Amino acid sequence: MMMMMMMMMMMMTMMVTVKVMISMMMMMIVLMSILNLVSKVEVVVVVVVVVVVARVVVVVVVVIVVVVVVVVIVVVIVVVVVVIILVVVVVIVVVAVIVVVVVVVVVVVVVVVVVVVVVVVASLNFMLNKQYYYRTAVLNKIIHVSLFATTKSS
C-alpha cells in the first residue's frame, strides 16, 4: 500500500517535471524565434539564462516532491504506530476484563460451595442431634419401663 502510494507520488512528480520541462522548451523555442532577429551573442545569453532557470525550477520541484514524500512517509509511520498502540491497549483491556470475569466466577463458585457445605453440615448435624435425642428418649423409656417393672414386681 505504502509502496503503491510512493510509486504514484513518483509518477506524478515525473509528470509534473516533464510538463515543466516541456513548457520550458516551448518558452525557449518561442524566445529563440523572437531572438533570432537579434544578434547571436544575445541569443546565447538568453538560452543560457533560460537553461539555468529551467534547472532551478526542476531542482525546486524535485525538492518539493521529496519533502512531500517524506512527510507522507512520516504521517503513515505515525498512524501505524498509533494504531498498534491502540490495538495493544484494547488487548490489555480485553485481557483485564477476562481476568476480572474469571475471578468473579471463581469467587461465586467458592461461595456457593461453602454455602452448600455449611447447609449440608448443618442438616447432618440437625439430623444426628434428632436421632440422638430420639435414641435417648427411647432408651429413657426403656429404662423407665424396666425400672417401673422391676419396682412393681418387687
C-alpha atoms as a PDB file:
ATOM      1  CA  MET A   1       0.000   0.000   0.000  1.00  0.00           C
ATOM      2  CA  MET A   2       2.736   2.411   1.021  1.00  0.00           C
ATOM      3  CA  MET A   3       4.866   1.376  -1.946  1.00  0.00           C
ATOM      4  CA  MET A   4       1.921   1.974  -4.269  1.00  0.00           C
ATOM      5  CA  MET A   5       1.421   5.446  -2.806  1.00  0.00           C
ATOM      6  CA  MET A   6       5.124   6.190  -3.198  1.00  0.00           C
ATOM      7  CA  MET A   7       5.079   4.946  -6.794  1.00  0.00           C
ATOM      8  CA  MET A   8       2.051   7.118  -7.585  1.00  0.00           C
ATOM      9  CA  MET A   9       3.750  10.131  -5.986  1.00  0.00           C
ATOM     10  CA  MET A  10       6.879   9.488  -8.042  1.00  0.00           C
ATOM     11  CA  MET A  11       4.821   9.112 -11.223  1.00  0.00           C
ATOM     12  CA  MET A  12       3.003  12.367 -10.509  1.00  0.00           C
ATOM     13  CA  THR A  13       6.333  14.038  -9.783  1.00  0.00           C
ATOM     14  CA  MET A  14       7.773  12.807 -13.030  1.00  0.00           C
ATOM     15  CA  MET A  15       4.695  14.002 -14.936  1.00  0.00           C
ATOM     16  CA  VAL A  16       4.960  17.449 -13.341  1.00  0.00           C
ATOM     17  CA  THR A  17       8.681  17.566 -14.064  1.00  0.00           C
ATOM     18  CA  VAL A  18       8.137  16.547 -17.695  1.00  0.00           C
ATOM     19  CA  LYS A  19       5.375  19.148 -18.073  1.00  0.00           C
ATOM     20  CA  VAL A  20       7.628  21.854 -16.616  1.00  0.00           C
ATOM     21  CA  MET A  21      10.460  20.835 -18.928  1.00  0.00           C
ATOM     22  CA  ILE A  22       8.132  20.815 -21.954  1.00  0.00           C
ATOM     23  CA  SER A  23       6.830  24.259 -21.081  1.00  0.00           C
ATOM     24  CA  MET A  24      10.410  25.481 -20.626  1.00  0.00           C
ATOM     25  CA  MET A  25      11.333  24.076 -24.020  1.00  0.00           C
ATOM     26  CA  MET A  26       8.324  25.771 -25.592  1.00  0.00           C
ATOM     27  CA  MET A  27       9.312  29.045 -23.969  1.00  0.00           C
ATOM     28  CA  MET A  28      12.842  28.554 -25.177  1.00  0.00           C
ATOM     29  CA  ILE A  29      11.641  27.876 -28.715  1.00  0.00           C
ATOM     30  CA  VAL A  30       9.445  30.971 -28.628  1.00  0.00           C
ATOM     31  CA  LEU A  31      12.284  33.053 -27.171  1.00  0.00           C
ATOM     32  CA  MET A  32      14.722  31.736 -29.727  1.00  0.00           C
ATOM     33  CA  SER A  33      12.369  32.514 -32.572  1.00  0.00           C
ATOM     34  CA  ILE A  34      11.906  36.016 -31.197  1.00  0.00           C
ATOM     35  CA  LEU A  35      15.564  36.475 -30.505  1.00  0.00           C
ATOM     36  CA  ASN A  36      16.528  35.036 -33.864  1.00  0.00           C
ATOM     37  CA  LEU A  37      16.084  38.508 -35.124  1.00  0.00           C
ATOM     38  CA  VAL A  38      18.614  39.756 -32.608  1.00  0.00           C
ATOM     39  CA  SER A  39      22.315  39.072 -32.631  1.00  0.00           C
ATOM     40  CA  LYS A  40      23.813  35.653 -31.970  1.00  0.00           C
ATOM     41  CA  VAL A  41      25.538  36.668 -28.696  1.00  0.00           C
ATOM     42  CA  GLU A  42      22.287  37.792 -27.118  1.00  0.00           C
ATOM     43  CA  VAL A  43      20.603  34.534 -28.137  1.00  0.00           C
ATOM     44  CA  VAL A  44      23.348  32.513 -26.428  1.00  0.00           C
ATOM     45  CA  VAL A  45      22.989  34.599 -23.246  1.00  0.00           C
ATOM     46  CA  VAL A  46      19.203  34.187 -23.254  1.00  0.00           C
ATOM     47  CA  VAL A  47      19.486  30.448 -23.899  1.00  0.00           C
ATOM     48  CA  VAL A  48      21.945  30.096 -21.007  1.00  0.00           C
ATOM     49  CA  VAL A  49      19.629  32.083 -18.727  1.00  0.00           C
ATOM     50  CA  VAL A  50      16.609  30.001 -19.768  1.00  0.00           C
ATOM     51  CA  VAL A  51      18.521  26.739 -19.199  1.00  0.00           C
ATOM     52  CA  VAL A  52      19.683  27.897 -15.742  1.00  0.00           C
ATOM     53  CA  VAL A  53      16.136  28.942 -14.820  1.00  0.00           C
ATOM     54  CA  ALA A  54      14.783  25.613 -16.080  1.00  0.00           C
ATOM     55  CA  ARG A  55      17.308  23.698 -13.992  1.00  0.00           C
ATOM     56  CA  VAL A  56      16.492  25.746 -10.890  1.00  0.00           C
ATOM     57  CA  VAL A  57      12.773  25.105 -11.426  1.00  0.00           C
ATOM     58  CA  VAL A  58      13.382  21.373 -11.824  1.00  0.00           C
ATOM     59  CA  VAL A  59      15.524  21.295  -8.661  1.00  0.00           C
ATOM     60  CA  VAL A  60      12.836  23.187  -6.729  1.00  0.00           C
ATOM     61  CA  VAL A  61      10.118  20.810  -7.967  1.00  0.00           C
ATOM     62  CA  VAL A  62      12.211  17.770  -7.038  1.00  0.00           C
ATOM     63  CA  VAL A  63      12.920  19.186  -3.556  1.00  0.00           C
ATOM     64  CA  ILE A  64       9.208  19.872  -3.034  1.00  0.00           C
ATOM     65  CA  VAL A  65       8.317  16.349  -4.130  1.00  0.00           C
ATOM     66  CA  VAL A  66      10.941  14.812  -1.845  1.00  0.00           C
ATOM     67  CA  VAL A  67       9.638  16.861   1.096  1.00  0.00           C
ATOM     68  CA  VAL A  68       6.059  15.798   0.335  1.00  0.00           C
ATOM     69  CA  VAL A  69       7.082  12.124   0.094  1.00  0.00           C
ATOM     70  CA  VAL A  70       8.990  12.332   3.391  1.00  0.00           C
ATOM     71  CA  VAL A  71       6.019  14.000   5.097  1.00  0.00           C
ATOM     72  CA  VAL A  72       3.673  11.310   3.757  1.00  0.00           C
ATOM     73  CA  ILE A  73       6.002   8.551   4.967  1.00  0.00           C
ATOM     74  CA  VAL A  74       6.263  10.149   8.428  1.00  0.00           C
ATOM     75  CA  VAL A  75       2.475  10.519   8.647  1.00  0.00           C
ATOM     76  CA  VAL A  76       1.977   6.872   7.619  1.00  0.00           C
ATOM     77  CA  ILE A  77       4.523   5.708  10.214  1.00  0.00           C
ATOM     78  CA  VAL A  78       2.845   7.802  12.936  1.00  0.00           C
ATOM     79  CA  VAL A  79      -0.587   6.430  12.008  1.00  0.00           C
ATOM     80  CA  VAL A  80       0.723   2.851  12.056  1.00  0.00           C
ATOM     81  CA  VAL A  81       2.337   3.386  15.479  1.00  0.00           C
ATOM     82  CA  VAL A  82      -0.861   4.912  16.874  1.00  0.00           C
ATOM     83  CA  VAL A  83      -2.925   2.019  15.517  1.00  0.00           C
ATOM     84  CA  ILE A  84      -0.510  -0.503  17.050  1.00  0.00           C
ATOM     85  CA  ILE A  85      -0.674   1.284  20.413  1.00  0.00           C
ATOM     86  CA  LEU A  86      -4.494   1.305  20.263  1.00  0.00           C
ATOM     87  CA  VAL A  87      -4.573  -2.403  19.441  1.00  0.00           C
ATOM     88  CA  VAL A  88      -2.252  -3.156  22.376  1.00  0.00           C
ATOM     89  CA  VAL A  89      -4.444  -1.093  24.720  1.00  0.00           C
ATOM     90  CA  VAL A  90      -7.589  -2.873  23.518  1.00  0.00           C
ATOM     91  CA  VAL A  91      -5.940  -6.265  24.007  1.00  0.00           C
ATOM     92  CA  ILE A  92      -4.850  -5.291  27.536  1.00  0.00           C
ATOM     93  CA  VAL A  93      -8.373  -4.126  28.380  1.00  0.00           C
ATOM     94  CA  VAL A  94      -9.920  -7.323  26.994  1.00  0.00           C
ATOM     95  CA  VAL A  95      -7.472  -9.479  28.973  1.00  0.00           C
ATOM     96  CA  ALA A  96      -8.201  -7.465  32.135  1.00  0.00           C
ATOM     97  CA  VAL A  97     -11.958  -7.916  31.644  1.00  0.00           C
ATOM     98  CA  ILE A  98     -11.494 -11.654  31.106  1.00  0.00           C
ATOM     99  CA  VAL A  99      -9.369 -11.905  34.270  1.00  0.00           C
ATOM    100  CA  VAL A 100     -11.976  -9.993  36.279  1.00  0.00           C
ATOM    101  CA  VAL A 101     -14.770 -12.231  34.962  1.00  0.00           C
ATOM    102  CA  VAL A 102     -12.767 -15.370  35.799  1.00  0.00           C
ATOM    103  CA  VAL A 103     -12.026 -14.083  39.325  1.00  0.00           C
ATOM    104  CA  VAL A 104     -15.707 -13.232  39.875  1.00  0.00           C
ATOM    105  CA  VAL A 105     -16.780 -16.677  38.643  1.00  0.00           C
ATOM    106  CA  VAL A 106     -14.225 -18.378  40.905  1.00  0.00           C
ATOM    107  CA  VAL A 107     -15.367 -16.320  43.917  1.00  0.00           C
ATOM    108  CA  VAL A 108     -19.025 -17.123  43.186  1.00  0.00           C
ATOM    109  CA  VAL A 109     -18.246 -20.826  42.842  1.00  0.00           C
ATOM    110  CA  VAL A 110     -16.257 -20.828  46.107  1.00  0.00           C
ATOM    111  CA  VAL A 111     -19.082 -19.007  47.924  1.00  0.00           C
ATOM    112  CA  VAL A 112     -21.669 -21.437  46.548  1.00  0.00           C
ATOM    113  CA  VAL A 113     -19.535 -24.430  47.552  1.00  0.00           C
ATOM    114  CA  VAL A 114     -19.031 -23.012  51.075  1.00  0.00           C
ATOM    115  CA  VAL A 115     -22.763 -22.334  51.448  1.00  0.00           C
ATOM    116  CA  VAL A 116     -23.617 -25.852  50.243  1.00  0.00           C
ATOM    117  CA  VAL A 117     -21.072 -27.390  52.628  1.00  0.00           C
ATOM    118  CA  VAL A 118     -22.402 -25.313  55.540  1.00  0.00           C
ATOM    119  CA  VAL A 119     -26.008 -26.278  54.740  1.00  0.00           C
ATOM    120  CA  VAL A 120     -25.124 -29.959  54.382  1.00  0.00           C
ATOM    121  CA  VAL A 121     -23.123 -29.965  57.616  1.00  0.00           C
ATOM    122  CA  ALA A 122     -25.915 -28.157  59.457  1.00  0.00           C
ATOM    123  CA  SER A 123     -28.508 -30.568  58.078  1.00  0.00           C
ATOM    124  CA  LEU A 124     -26.424 -33.576  59.061  1.00  0.00           C
ATOM    125  CA  ASN A 125     -25.816 -32.093  62.487  1.00  0.00           C
ATOM    126  CA  PHE A 126     -29.532 -31.455  62.924  1.00  0.00           C
ATOM    127  CA  MET A 127     -30.409 -34.977  61.795  1.00  0.00           C
ATOM    128  CA  LEU A 128     -27.768 -36.548  64.036  1.00  0.00           C
ATOM    129  CA  ASN A 129     -28.963 -34.492  67.022  1.00  0.00           C
ATOM    130  CA  LYS A 130     -32.545 -35.502  66.292  1.00  0.00           C
ATOM    131  CA  GLN A 131     -31.526 -39.157  66.142  1.00  0.00           C
ATOM    132  CA  TYR A 132     -29.514 -38.780  69.365  1.00  0.00           C
ATOM    133  CA  TYR A 133     -32.437 -37.223  71.177  1.00  0.00           C
ATOM    134  CA  TYR A 134     -34.777 -39.851  69.751  1.00  0.00           C
ATOM    135  CA  ARG A 135     -32.472 -42.695  70.861  1.00  0.00           C
ATOM    136  CA  THR A 136     -32.019 -41.064  74.232  1.00  0.00           C
ATOM    137  CA  ALA A 137     -35.755 -40.731  74.625  1.00  0.00           C
ATOM    138  CA  VAL A 138     -36.295 -44.368  73.615  1.00  0.00           C
ATOM    139  CA  LEU A 139     -33.551 -45.554  75.992  1.00  0.00           C
ATOM    140  CA  ASN A 140     -35.028 -43.447  78.773  1.00  0.00           C
ATOM    141  CA  LYS A 141     -38.436 -45.017  78.123  1.00  0.00           C
ATOM    142  CA  ILE A 142     -36.939 -48.489  78.129  1.00  0.00           C
ATOM    143  CA  ILE A 143     -35.051 -47.753  81.329  1.00  0.00           C
ATOM    144  CA  HIS A 144     -38.102 -46.176  82.877  1.00  0.00           C
ATOM    145  CA  VAL A 145     -40.310 -49.097  81.873  1.00  0.00           C
ATOM    146  CA  SER A 146     -37.690 -51.569  83.126  1.00  0.00           C
ATOM    147  CA  LEU A 147     -37.318 -49.765  86.401  1.00  0.00           C
ATOM    148  CA  PHE A 148     -41.034 -49.440  86.761  1.00  0.00           C
ATOM    149  CA  ALA A 149     -41.456 -53.123  86.001  1.00  0.00           C
ATOM    150  CA  THR A 150     -38.757 -54.151  88.464  1.00  0.00           C
ATOM    151  CA  THR A 151     -40.090 -51.932  91.212  1.00  0.00           C
ATOM    152  CA  LYS A 152     -43.633 -53.135  90.669  1.00  0.00           C
ATOM    153  CA  SER A 153     -42.709 -56.782  90.683  1.00  0.00           C
ATOM    154  CA  SER A 154     -40.796 -56.489  93.893  1.00  0.00           C
END
